[in-house]
Amino acid sequence: MTAWTGVVLAPRAPGEDEMLSRISTYLHPIAGRPLVWHTLASLATATPAPERLVLLGTPDLDTALIPALPLPLDSAPLAGDGVAAALSTADVPAGSLLLAEAAAPLIAPEVQHLLARSEPTLVAAPGGAPLLLWLPAADPADLGDAASLAELAATVPGLTRLKADPGSALLVRDRTTLAIAVAGVRDRLVRRLMDAGVTVLLPETVLLDVDVRVGRDSVLYPGVMLEGQTTVGEETVIGPGCRIIDSWIGSGVEMKGWNFIAQTSVRNRAILEPYVRRGFD
């Protein structure tokens, strides 16, 4: 397969969505990472990986707030001159381009499907909102002053249009869609744990951050929250309602429930009675 460049568009400033927030929609947290990080990671972890990853956004979108990705991130302002000018600023050459809407954190499966296609293809949500635009042979200079995926799609001749799978077709524009995205990312993270040998008794009640690690044969009871850089060893039982933040929990530990653990360690085979707190509030 030919080399390709991943381009993520973040054209909306704070106040242009229905979030009623002073910060950019793209920076709201999902599983311990900004929303836009999940979209960028969907492109960065595809097979084959892109040669470059570029974020085009409004000036308020501070890339310093976006954690590390599997490959370097370039950025350029997306201003009135449109995508072509922004890609020129980022020095993106002609070739295969995959352009993604930045507020679509669940699109990883769609990215992988598009890379196998030989024709220009648009993937849209059921309501028609564009999520991804695949241009297998594109000259960025030809993209003109379009500043959104919808405007770009209108200029592409012979474009194939596909509907995204319901599990991927989400644009975050308000607090309701943000909550749906949180649940979607949570489901994928929990499924990854279960596939690795962890028992999660009531998956829809458990919250995990991206960097959490749990050893096999451990058990998570309902209402467990594991946040930040938390590691849980093997054969450990985390009881109901426990919240653990940036901590190391050993193997063979039993936390009986409603424990709060922050920025500390719990030794192997320790037993914590209900409501015991450790670390810093």
C-alpha atoms as a PDB file:
ATOM      1  CA  MET A   1       0.000   0.000   0.000  1.00  0.00           C
ATOM      2  CA  THR A   2       1.158   3.547  -0.760  1.00  0.00           C
ATOM      3  CA  ALA A   3       2.296   5.915   1.989  1.00  0.00           C
ATOM      4  CA  TRP A   4      -0.314   8.279   3.384  1.00  0.00           C
ATOM      5  CA  THR A   5      -0.663  11.359   5.556  1.00  0.00           C
ATOM      6  CA  GLY A   6      -3.237  11.666   8.330  1.00  0.00           C
ATOM      7  CA  VAL A   7      -4.819  15.111   8.688  1.00  0.00           C
ATOM      8  CA  VAL A   8      -7.192  15.973  11.541  1.00  0.00           C
ATOM      9  CA  LEU A   9      -9.370  19.081  11.200  1.00  0.00           C
ATOM     10  CA  ALA A  10     -10.394  21.012  14.310  1.00  0.00           C
ATOM     11  CA  PRO A  11     -12.105  24.086  12.834  1.00  0.00           C
ATOM     12  CA  ARG A  12     -14.411  25.059  15.716  1.00  0.00           C
ATOM     13  CA  ALA A  13     -13.464  27.616  18.343  1.00  0.00           C
ATOM     14  CA  PRO A  14     -14.956  27.544  21.872  1.00  0.00           C
ATOM     15  CA  GLY A  15     -18.557  28.687  21.696  1.00  0.00           C
ATOM     16  CA  GLU A  16     -19.172  27.273  18.219  1.00  0.00           C
ATOM     17  CA  ASP A  17     -20.500  23.990  19.638  1.00  0.00           C
ATOM     18  CA  GLU A  18     -23.233  23.461  22.211  1.00  0.00           C
ATOM     19  CA  MET A  19     -20.843  22.598  25.027  1.00  0.00           C
ATOM     20  CA  LEU A  20     -21.383  25.931  26.835  1.00  0.00           C
ATOM     21  CA  SER A  21     -17.706  25.828  27.725  1.00  0.00           C
ATOM     22  CA  ARG A  22     -14.832  28.282  27.748  1.00  0.00           C
ATOM     23  CA  ILE A  23     -12.443  25.620  26.490  1.00  0.00           C
ATOM     24  CA  SER A  24     -12.329  23.941  23.115  1.00  0.00           C
ATOM     25  CA  THR A  25     -14.568  20.928  22.556  1.00  0.00           C
ATOM     26  CA  TYR A  26     -11.477  19.086  21.358  1.00  0.00           C
ATOM     27  CA  LEU A  27      -9.768  19.425  24.765  1.00  0.00           C
ATOM     28  CA  HIS A  28     -12.540  17.982  26.944  1.00  0.00           C
ATOM     29  CA  PRO A  29     -11.291  14.809  28.671  1.00  0.00           C
ATOM     30  CA  ILE A  30     -12.229  11.264  27.731  1.00  0.00           C
ATOM     31  CA  ALA A  31     -10.511   8.433  29.656  1.00  0.00           C
ATOM     32  CA  GLY A  32      -7.751  10.732  30.856  1.00  0.00           C
ATOM     33  CA  ARG A  33      -6.890  12.177  27.429  1.00  0.00           C
ATOM     34  CA  PRO A  34      -8.272  15.148  25.448  1.00  0.00           C
ATOM     35  CA  LEU A  35     -11.002  14.235  22.976  1.00  0.00           C
ATOM     36  CA  VAL A  36      -8.800  15.144  19.993  1.00  0.00           C
ATOM     37  CA  TRP A  37      -6.089  12.745  21.215  1.00  0.00           C
ATOM     38  CA  HIS A  38      -8.447   9.804  20.606  1.00  0.00           C
ATOM     39  CA  THR A  39      -9.084  10.924  17.021  1.00  0.00           C
ATOM     40  CA  LEU A  40      -5.378  11.418  16.370  1.00  0.00           C
ATOM     41  CA  ALA A  41      -4.593   8.025  17.909  1.00  0.00           C
ATOM     42  CA  SER A  42      -7.172   6.381  15.617  1.00  0.00           C
ATOM     43  CA  LEU A  43      -5.040   7.473  12.666  1.00  0.00           C
ATOM     44  CA  ALA A  44      -1.646   6.991  14.292  1.00  0.00           C
ATOM     45  CA  THR A  45      -2.323   3.349  15.239  1.00  0.00           C
ATOM     46  CA  ALA A  46      -3.717   2.273  11.851  1.00  0.00           C
ATOM     47  CA  THR A  47      -1.936  -0.368   9.770  1.00  0.00           C
ATOM     48  CA  PRO A  48       0.081   0.751   7.936  1.00  0.00           C
ATOM     49  CA  ALA A  49       0.745   3.813  10.044  1.00  0.00           C
ATOM     50  CA  PRO A  50       0.753   7.228   8.366  1.00  0.00           C
ATOM     51  CA  GLU A  51       4.052   8.753   7.363  1.00  0.00           C
ATOM     52  CA  ARG A  52       2.920  11.990   9.000  1.00  0.00           C
ATOM     53  CA  LEU A  53       0.191  13.129  11.347  1.00  0.00           C
ATOM     54  CA  VAL A  54      -0.996  16.742  11.083  1.00  0.00           C
ATOM     55  CA  LEU A  55      -3.488  18.694  13.187  1.00  0.00           C
ATOM     56  CA  LEU A  56      -5.134  21.742  11.615  1.00  0.00           C
ATOM     57  CA  GLY A  57      -6.975  23.791  14.210  1.00  0.00           C
ATOM     58  CA  THR A  58      -8.011  27.169  15.541  1.00  0.00           C
ATOM     59  CA  PRO A  59      -5.414  29.252  17.451  1.00  0.00           C
ATOM     60  CA  ASP A  60      -6.949  28.406  20.837  1.00  0.00           C
ATOM     61  CA  LEU A  61      -6.167  24.691  20.376  1.00  0.00           C
ATOM     62  CA  ASP A  62      -2.898  24.347  22.266  1.00  0.00           C
ATOM     63  CA  THR A  63      -1.084  21.240  21.008  1.00  0.00           C
ATOM     64  CA  ALA A  64       1.077  21.315  24.150  1.00  0.00           C
ATOM     65  CA  LEU A  65      -1.992  19.972  25.972  1.00  0.00           C
ATOM     66  CA  ILE A  66      -2.155  16.876  23.754  1.00  0.00           C
ATOM     67  CA  PRO A  67      -0.197  13.938  25.259  1.00  0.00           C
ATOM     68  CA  ALA A  68       2.321  11.913  23.306  1.00  0.00           C
ATOM     69  CA  LEU A  69       1.176   9.827  20.345  1.00  0.00           C
ATOM     70  CA  PRO A  70       2.827   6.832  18.644  1.00  0.00           C
ATOM     71  CA  LEU A  71       4.377   9.195  16.072  1.00  0.00           C
ATOM     72  CA  PRO A  72       5.249  12.916  16.014  1.00  0.00           C
ATOM     73  CA  LEU A  73       2.441  15.435  15.596  1.00  0.00           C
ATOM     74  CA  ASP A  74       2.759  18.445  13.305  1.00  0.00           C
ATOM     75  CA  SER A  75       0.299  21.317  13.451  1.00  0.00           C
ATOM     76  CA  ALA A  76      -0.743  24.391  11.510  1.00  0.00           C
ATOM     77  CA  PRO A  77      -3.466  27.029  11.970  1.00  0.00           C
ATOM     78  CA  LEU A  78      -6.697  26.493  10.046  1.00  0.00           C
ATOM     79  CA  ALA A  79      -7.656  30.056   9.181  1.00  0.00           C
ATOM     80  CA  GLY A  80      -9.700  31.818   6.497  1.00  0.00           C
ATOM     81  CA  ASP A  81      -7.499  30.564   3.669  1.00  0.00           C
ATOM     82  CA  GLY A  82      -8.711  27.025   4.251  1.00  0.00           C
ATOM     83  CA  VAL A  83      -7.208  23.560   4.258  1.00  0.00           C
ATOM     84  CA  ALA A  84      -4.902  24.051   1.260  1.00  0.00           C
ATOM     85  CA  ALA A  85      -3.092  26.965   2.890  1.00  0.00           C
ATOM     86  CA  ALA A  86      -2.839  25.123   6.211  1.00  0.00           C
ATOM     87  CA  LEU A  87      -1.381  22.027   4.549  1.00  0.00           C
ATOM     88  CA  SER A  88       1.096  24.232   2.690  1.00  0.00           C
ATOM     89  CA  THR A  89       2.153  25.758   6.015  1.00  0.00           C
ATOM     90  CA  ALA A  90       2.668  22.229   7.353  1.00  0.00           C
ATOM     91  CA  ASP A  91       4.615  21.310   4.185  1.00  0.00           C
ATOM     92  CA  VAL A  92       2.377  18.345   3.333  1.00  0.00           C
ATOM     93  CA  PRO A  93       3.244  16.970  -0.140  1.00  0.00           C
ATOM     94  CA  ALA A  94       0.950  15.485  -2.762  1.00  0.00           C
ATOM     95  CA  GLY A  95      -0.063  11.878  -2.162  1.00  0.00           C
ATOM     96  CA  SER A  96      -2.652   9.888  -0.239  1.00  0.00           C
ATOM     97  CA  LEU A  97      -4.510  11.914   2.388  1.00  0.00           C
ATOM     98  CA  LEU A  98      -6.909  10.747   5.066  1.00  0.00           C
ATOM     99  CA  LEU A  99      -8.723  13.726   6.587  1.00  0.00           C
ATOM    100  CA  ALA A 100     -10.699  13.292   9.807  1.00  0.00           C
ATOM    101  CA  GLU A 101     -13.050  15.440  11.864  1.00  0.00           C
ATOM    102  CA  ALA A 102     -11.293  16.024  15.193  1.00  0.00           C
ATOM    103  CA  ALA A 103     -14.416  15.523  17.318  1.00  0.00           C
ATOM    104  CA  ALA A 104     -14.894  11.900  16.203  1.00  0.00           C
ATOM    105  CA  PRO A 105     -13.075   9.850  18.880  1.00  0.00           C
ATOM    106  CA  LEU A 106     -14.525   6.426  17.953  1.00  0.00           C
ATOM    107  CA  ILE A 107     -13.511   6.234  14.274  1.00  0.00           C
ATOM    108  CA  ALA A 108     -10.601   3.775  14.496  1.00  0.00           C
ATOM    109  CA  PRO A 109     -12.454   0.891  12.736  1.00  0.00           C
ATOM    110  CA  GLU A 110     -13.531   3.178   9.882  1.00  0.00           C
ATOM    111  CA  VAL A 111      -9.963   4.403   9.383  1.00  0.00           C
ATOM    112  CA  GLN A 112      -8.734   0.864   8.842  1.00  0.00           C
ATOM    113  CA  HIS A 113     -11.472   0.121   6.295  1.00  0.00           C
ATOM    114  CA  LEU A 114     -10.763   3.248   4.261  1.00  0.00           C
ATOM    115  CA  LEU A 115      -7.063   2.547   3.830  1.00  0.00           C
ATOM    116  CA  ALA A 116      -7.905  -0.491   1.686  1.00  0.00           C
ATOM    117  CA  ARG A 117      -9.979   1.529  -0.808  1.00  0.00           C
ATOM    118  CA  SER A 118      -8.629   2.788  -4.132  1.00  0.00           C
ATOM    119  CA  GLU A 119     -11.247   5.478  -4.809  1.00  0.00           C
ATOM    120  CA  PRO A 120     -12.014   8.779  -3.047  1.00  0.00           C
ATOM    121  CA  THR A 121     -14.419   7.959  -0.223  1.00  0.00           C
ATOM    122  CA  LEU A 122     -16.379   9.916   2.358  1.00  0.00           C
ATOM    123  CA  VAL A 123     -17.575   8.270   5.569  1.00  0.00           C
ATOM    124  CA  ALA A 124     -20.467  10.077   7.233  1.00  0.00           C
ATOM    125  CA  ALA A 125     -22.603   9.711  10.327  1.00  0.00           C
ATOM    126  CA  PRO A 126     -26.215   8.581   9.729  1.00  0.00           C
ATOM    127  CA  GLY A 127     -27.369  12.222   9.716  1.00  0.00           C
ATOM    128  CA  GLY A 128     -24.887  13.039   6.963  1.00  0.00           C
ATOM    129  CA  ALA A 129     -22.191  14.810   8.992  1.00  0.00           C
ATOM    130  CA  PRO A 130     -18.769  13.911   7.488  1.00  0.00           C
ATOM    131  CA  LEU A 131     -16.362  11.966   9.673  1.00  0.00           C
ATOM    132  CA  LEU A 132     -13.575  10.899   7.298  1.00  0.00           C
ATOM    133  CA  LEU A 133     -12.484  11.765   3.767  1.00  0.00           C
ATOM    134  CA  TRP A 134     -10.052   9.439   1.972  1.00  0.00           C
ATOM    135  CA  LEU A 135      -8.200  10.906  -1.024  1.00  0.00           C
ATOM    136  CA  PRO A 136      -5.823   8.244  -2.377  1.00  0.00           C
ATOM    137  CA  ALA A 137      -4.198  10.656  -4.846  1.00  0.00           C
ATOM    138  CA  ALA A 138      -4.439  14.293  -3.791  1.00  0.00           C
ATOM    139  CA  ASP A 139      -2.521  17.512  -4.294  1.00  0.00           C
ATOM    140  CA  PRO A 140      -3.096  19.697  -1.218  1.00  0.00           C
ATOM    141  CA  ALA A 141      -2.896  22.798  -3.424  1.00  0.00           C
ATOM    142  CA  ASP A 142      -6.075  21.667  -5.184  1.00  0.00           C
ATOM    143  CA  LEU A 143      -8.142  21.673  -1.994  1.00  0.00           C
ATOM    144  CA  GLY A 144      -8.752  25.412  -2.227  1.00  0.00           C
ATOM    145  CA  ASP A 145     -10.227  27.511   0.548  1.00  0.00           C
ATOM    146  CA  ALA A 146     -12.470  24.768   1.957  1.00  0.00           C
ATOM    147  CA  ALA A 147     -12.292  24.763   5.745  1.00  0.00           C
ATOM    148  CA  SER A 148     -14.303  21.659   6.625  1.00  0.00           C
ATOM    149  CA  LEU A 149     -14.776  18.068   5.496  1.00  0.00           C
ATOM    150  CA  ALA A 150     -18.199  18.931   4.051  1.00  0.00           C
ATOM    151  CA  GLU A 151     -16.745  21.743   1.936  1.00  0.00           C
ATOM    152  CA  LEU A 152     -13.883  19.511   0.790  1.00  0.00           C
ATOM    153  CA  ALA A 153     -16.205  16.661  -0.164  1.00  0.00           C
ATOM    154  CA  ALA A 154     -18.237  18.980  -2.385  1.00  0.00           C
ATOM    155  CA  THR A 155     -15.169  19.559  -4.572  1.00  0.00           C
ATOM    156  CA  VAL A 156     -14.173  15.894  -5.103  1.00  0.00           C
ATOM    157  CA  PRO A 157     -15.460  14.325  -8.360  1.00  0.00           C
ATOM    158  CA  GLY A 158     -16.568  10.681  -8.321  1.00  0.00           C
ATOM    159  CA  LEU A 159     -16.735  10.557  -4.536  1.00  0.00           C
ATOM    160  CA  THR A 160     -18.067   7.345  -2.966  1.00  0.00           C
ATOM    161  CA  ARG A 161     -20.220   7.988   0.100  1.00  0.00           C
ATOM    162  CA  LEU A 162     -20.506   5.472   2.926  1.00  0.00           C
ATOM    163  CA  LYS A 163     -22.335   5.481   6.244  1.00  0.00           C
ATOM    164  CA  ALA A 164     -20.253   4.788   9.309  1.00  0.00           C
ATOM    165  CA  ASP A 165     -20.996   1.859  11.575  1.00  0.00           C
ATOM    166  CA  PRO A 166     -23.230   3.036  14.458  1.00  0.00           C
ATOM    167  CA  GLY A 167     -20.466   2.244  16.937  1.00  0.00           C
ATOM    168  CA  SER A 168     -18.109   4.686  15.191  1.00  0.00           C
ATOM    169  CA  ALA A 169     -20.521   7.350  13.919  1.00  0.00           C
ATOM    170  CA  LEU A 170     -20.276   9.992  16.602  1.00  0.00           C
ATOM    171  CA  LEU A 171     -19.414  13.681  16.481  1.00  0.00           C
ATOM    172  CA  VAL A 172     -19.057  15.377  19.849  1.00  0.00           C
ATOM    173  CA  ARG A 173     -20.913  18.689  19.731  1.00  0.00           C
ATOM    174  CA  ASP A 174     -22.565  18.903  23.168  1.00  0.00           C
ATOM    175  CA  ARG A 175     -22.467  17.340  26.628  1.00  0.00           C
ATOM    176  CA  THR A 176     -24.810  14.537  25.584  1.00  0.00           C
ATOM    177  CA  THR A 177     -22.594  13.355  22.734  1.00  0.00           C
ATOM    178  CA  LEU A 178     -19.565  13.780  24.995  1.00  0.00           C
ATOM    179  CA  ALA A 179     -21.142  11.355  27.481  1.00  0.00           C
ATOM    180  CA  ILE A 180     -21.848   8.883  24.667  1.00  0.00           C
ATOM    181  CA  ALA A 181     -18.205   9.145  23.560  1.00  0.00           C
ATOM    182  CA  VAL A 182     -17.005   8.526  27.132  1.00  0.00           C
ATOM    183  CA  ALA A 183     -19.106   5.355  27.251  1.00  0.00           C
ATOM    184  CA  GLY A 184     -17.849   4.208  23.841  1.00  0.00           C
ATOM    185  CA  VAL A 185     -14.192   4.658  24.762  1.00  0.00           C
ATOM    186  CA  ARG A 186     -14.846   3.028  28.155  1.00  0.00           C
ATOM    187  CA  ASP A 187     -16.400  -0.010  26.498  1.00  0.00           C
ATOM    188  CA  ARG A 188     -13.353  -0.504  24.276  1.00  0.00           C
ATOM    189  CA  LEU A 189     -10.912  -0.150  27.185  1.00  0.00           C
ATOM    190  CA  VAL A 190     -12.894  -2.569  29.373  1.00  0.00           C
ATOM    191  CA  ARG A 191     -13.133  -5.067  26.522  1.00  0.00           C
ATOM    192  CA  ARG A 192      -9.356  -4.901  26.111  1.00  0.00           C
ATOM    193  CA  LEU A 193      -8.915  -5.763  29.791  1.00  0.00           C
ATOM    194  CA  MET A 194     -11.327  -8.675  29.600  1.00  0.00           C
ATOM    195  CA  ASP A 195      -9.583  -9.999  26.485  1.00  0.00           C
ATOM    196  CA  ALA A 196      -6.341  -9.925  28.514  1.00  0.00           C
ATOM    197  CA  GLY A 197      -7.780 -12.086  31.309  1.00  0.00           C
ATOM    198  CA  VAL A 198      -9.351  -9.574  33.714  1.00  0.00           C
ATOM    199  CA  THR A 199     -12.830 -10.211  35.155  1.00  0.00           C
ATOM    200  CA  VAL A 200     -15.096  -7.147  35.074  1.00  0.00           C
ATOM    201  CA  LEU A 201     -18.334  -8.046  36.823  1.00  0.00           C
ATOM    202  CA  LEU A 202     -20.501  -5.193  35.543  1.00  0.00           C
ATOM    203  CA  PRO A 203     -18.588  -3.528  32.672  1.00  0.00           C
ATOM    204  CA  GLU A 204     -20.968  -0.635  32.089  1.00  0.00           C
ATOM    205  CA  THR A 205     -20.303   0.707  35.621  1.00  0.00           C
ATOM    206  CA  VAL A 206     -16.490   0.692  35.462  1.00  0.00           C
ATOM    207  CA  LEU A 207     -14.431   3.711  34.350  1.00  0.00           C
ATOM    208  CA  LEU A 208     -10.853   3.388  33.083  1.00  0.00           C
ATOM    209  CA  ASP A 209      -8.259   5.830  31.808  1.00  0.00           C
ATOM    210  CA  VAL A 210      -6.115   5.032  28.780  1.00  0.00           C
ATOM    211  CA  ASP A 211      -2.936   4.482  30.805  1.00  0.00           C
ATOM    212  CA  VAL A 212      -4.431   2.054  33.341  1.00  0.00           C
ATOM    213  CA  ARG A 213      -2.939  -1.447  33.453  1.00  0.00           C
ATOM    214  CA  VAL A 214      -4.511  -4.448  35.242  1.00  0.00           C
ATOM    215  CA  GLY A 215      -2.949  -7.895  35.636  1.00  0.00           C
ATOM    216  CA  ARG A 216      -4.692 -11.102  34.624  1.00  0.00           C
ATOM    217  CA  ASP A 217      -7.049 -12.945  36.960  1.00  0.00           C
ATOM    218  CA  SER A 218      -7.819  -9.713  38.782  1.00  0.00           C
ATOM    219  CA  VAL A 219     -11.469  -8.862  39.460  1.00  0.00           C
ATOM    220  CA  LEU A 220     -13.125  -5.444  39.201  1.00  0.00           C
ATOM    221  CA  TYR A 221     -16.428  -5.075  41.021  1.00  0.00           C
ATOM    222  CA  PRO A 222     -19.162  -2.602  39.969  1.00  0.00           C
ATOM    223  CA  GLY A 223     -18.468   1.102  40.342  1.00  0.00           C
ATOM    224  CA  VAL A 224     -14.665   0.860  40.182  1.00  0.00           C
ATOM    225  CA  MET A 225     -12.800   3.926  38.832  1.00  0.00           C
ATOM    226  CA  LEU A 226      -9.137   3.545  37.807  1.00  0.00           C
ATOM    227  CA  GLU A 227      -7.545   6.831  36.782  1.00  0.00           C
ATOM    228  CA  GLY A 228      -4.269   8.234  35.535  1.00  0.00           C
ATOM    229  CA  GLN A 229      -1.114   6.112  35.627  1.00  0.00           C
ATOM    230  CA  THR A 230      -2.598   3.346  37.747  1.00  0.00           C
ATOM    231  CA  THR A 231      -1.264  -0.214  37.712  1.00  0.00           C
ATOM    232  CA  VAL A 232      -3.006  -3.169  39.353  1.00  0.00           C
ATOM    233  CA  GLY A 233      -1.186  -6.475  39.759  1.00  0.00           C
ATOM    234  CA  GLU A 234      -2.402 -10.010  39.113  1.00  0.00           C
ATOM    235  CA  GLU A 235      -5.045 -11.854  41.161  1.00  0.00           C
ATOM    236  CA  THR A 236      -6.145  -8.677  42.883  1.00  0.00           C
ATOM    237  CA  VAL A 237      -9.755  -7.963  43.835  1.00  0.00           C
ATOM    238  CA  ILE A 238     -10.929  -4.347  43.629  1.00  0.00           C
ATOM    239  CA  GLY A 239     -14.226  -4.161  45.518  1.00  0.00           C
ATOM    240  CA  PRO A 240     -17.283  -2.071  44.690  1.00  0.00           C
ATOM    241  CA  GLY A 241     -17.079   1.710  44.556  1.00  0.00           C
ATOM    242  CA  CYS A 242     -13.275   1.960  44.777  1.00  0.00           C
ATOM    243  CA  ARG A 243     -11.508   4.954  43.218  1.00  0.00           C
ATOM    244  CA  ILE A 244      -7.774   4.651  42.505  1.00  0.00           C
ATOM    245  CA  ILE A 245      -5.712   7.521  41.054  1.00  0.00           C
ATOM    246  CA  ASP A 246      -2.072   7.391  39.874  1.00  0.00           C
ATOM    247  CA  SER A 247      -1.247   4.482  42.157  1.00  0.00           C
ATOM    248  CA  TRP A 248       0.460   1.097  42.158  1.00  0.00           C
ATOM    249  CA  ILE A 249      -1.591  -1.781  43.563  1.00  0.00           C
ATOM    250  CA  GLY A 250       0.283  -5.033  44.089  1.00  0.00           C
ATOM    251  CA  SER A 251      -0.681  -8.611  43.261  1.00  0.00           C
ATOM    252  CA  GLY A 252      -2.973 -10.648  45.483  1.00  0.00           C
ATOM    253  CA  VAL A 253      -4.467  -7.516  47.050  1.00  0.00           C
ATOM    254  CA  GLU A 254      -8.053  -7.422  48.318  1.00  0.00           C
ATOM    255  CA  MET A 255      -9.778  -4.044  48.542  1.00  0.00           C
ATOM    256  CA  LYS A 256     -13.138  -4.717  50.137  1.00  0.00           C
ATOM    257  CA  GLY A 257     -14.919  -1.697  48.780  1.00  0.00           C
ATOM    258  CA  TRP A 258     -15.410   2.079  48.724  1.00  0.00           C
ATOM    259  CA  ASN A 259     -11.676   2.651  49.150  1.00  0.00           C
ATOM    260  CA  PHE A 260      -9.999   5.860  47.955  1.00  0.00           C
ATOM    261  CA  ILE A 261      -6.356   5.459  46.903  1.00  0.00           C
ATOM    262  CA  ALA A 262      -4.350   8.347  45.402  1.00  0.00           C
ATOM    263  CA  GLN A 263      -0.692   8.684  44.429  1.00  0.00           C
ATOM    264  CA  THR A 264       0.523   5.841  46.591  1.00  0.00           C
ATOM    265  CA  SER A 265       1.354   2.133  46.599  1.00  0.00           C
ATOM    266  CA  VAL A 266      -0.378  -0.854  48.170  1.00  0.00           C
ATOM    267  CA  ARG A 267       1.903  -3.821  48.873  1.00  0.00           C
ATOM    268  CA  ASN A 268       1.346  -7.322  47.521  1.00  0.00           C
ATOM    269  CA  ARG A 269      -1.308  -9.394  49.357  1.00  0.00           C
ATOM    270  CA  ALA A 270      -2.518  -6.437  51.416  1.00  0.00           C
ATOM    271  CA  ILE A 271      -6.140  -6.399  52.622  1.00  0.00           C
ATOM    272  CA  LEU A 272      -7.950  -3.073  52.874  1.00  0.00           C
ATOM    273  CA  GLU A 273     -11.178  -2.964  54.852  1.00  0.00           C
ATOM    274  CA  PRO A 274     -14.140  -0.975  53.500  1.00  0.00           C
ATOM    275  CA  TYR A 275     -13.733   2.842  53.379  1.00  0.00           C
ATOM    276  CA  VAL A 276      -9.975   2.774  54.098  1.00  0.00           C
ATOM    277  CA  ARG A 277      -8.225   5.728  52.412  1.00  0.00           C
ATOM    278  CA  ARG A 278      -4.589   5.925  51.366  1.00  0.00           C
ATOM    279  CA  GLY A 279      -2.546   8.718  49.818  1.00  0.00           C
ATOM    280  CA  PHE A 280      -3.444  12.321  49.039  1.00  0.00           C
ATOM    281  CA  ASP A 281      -6.904  13.794  48.608  1.00  0.00           C
END
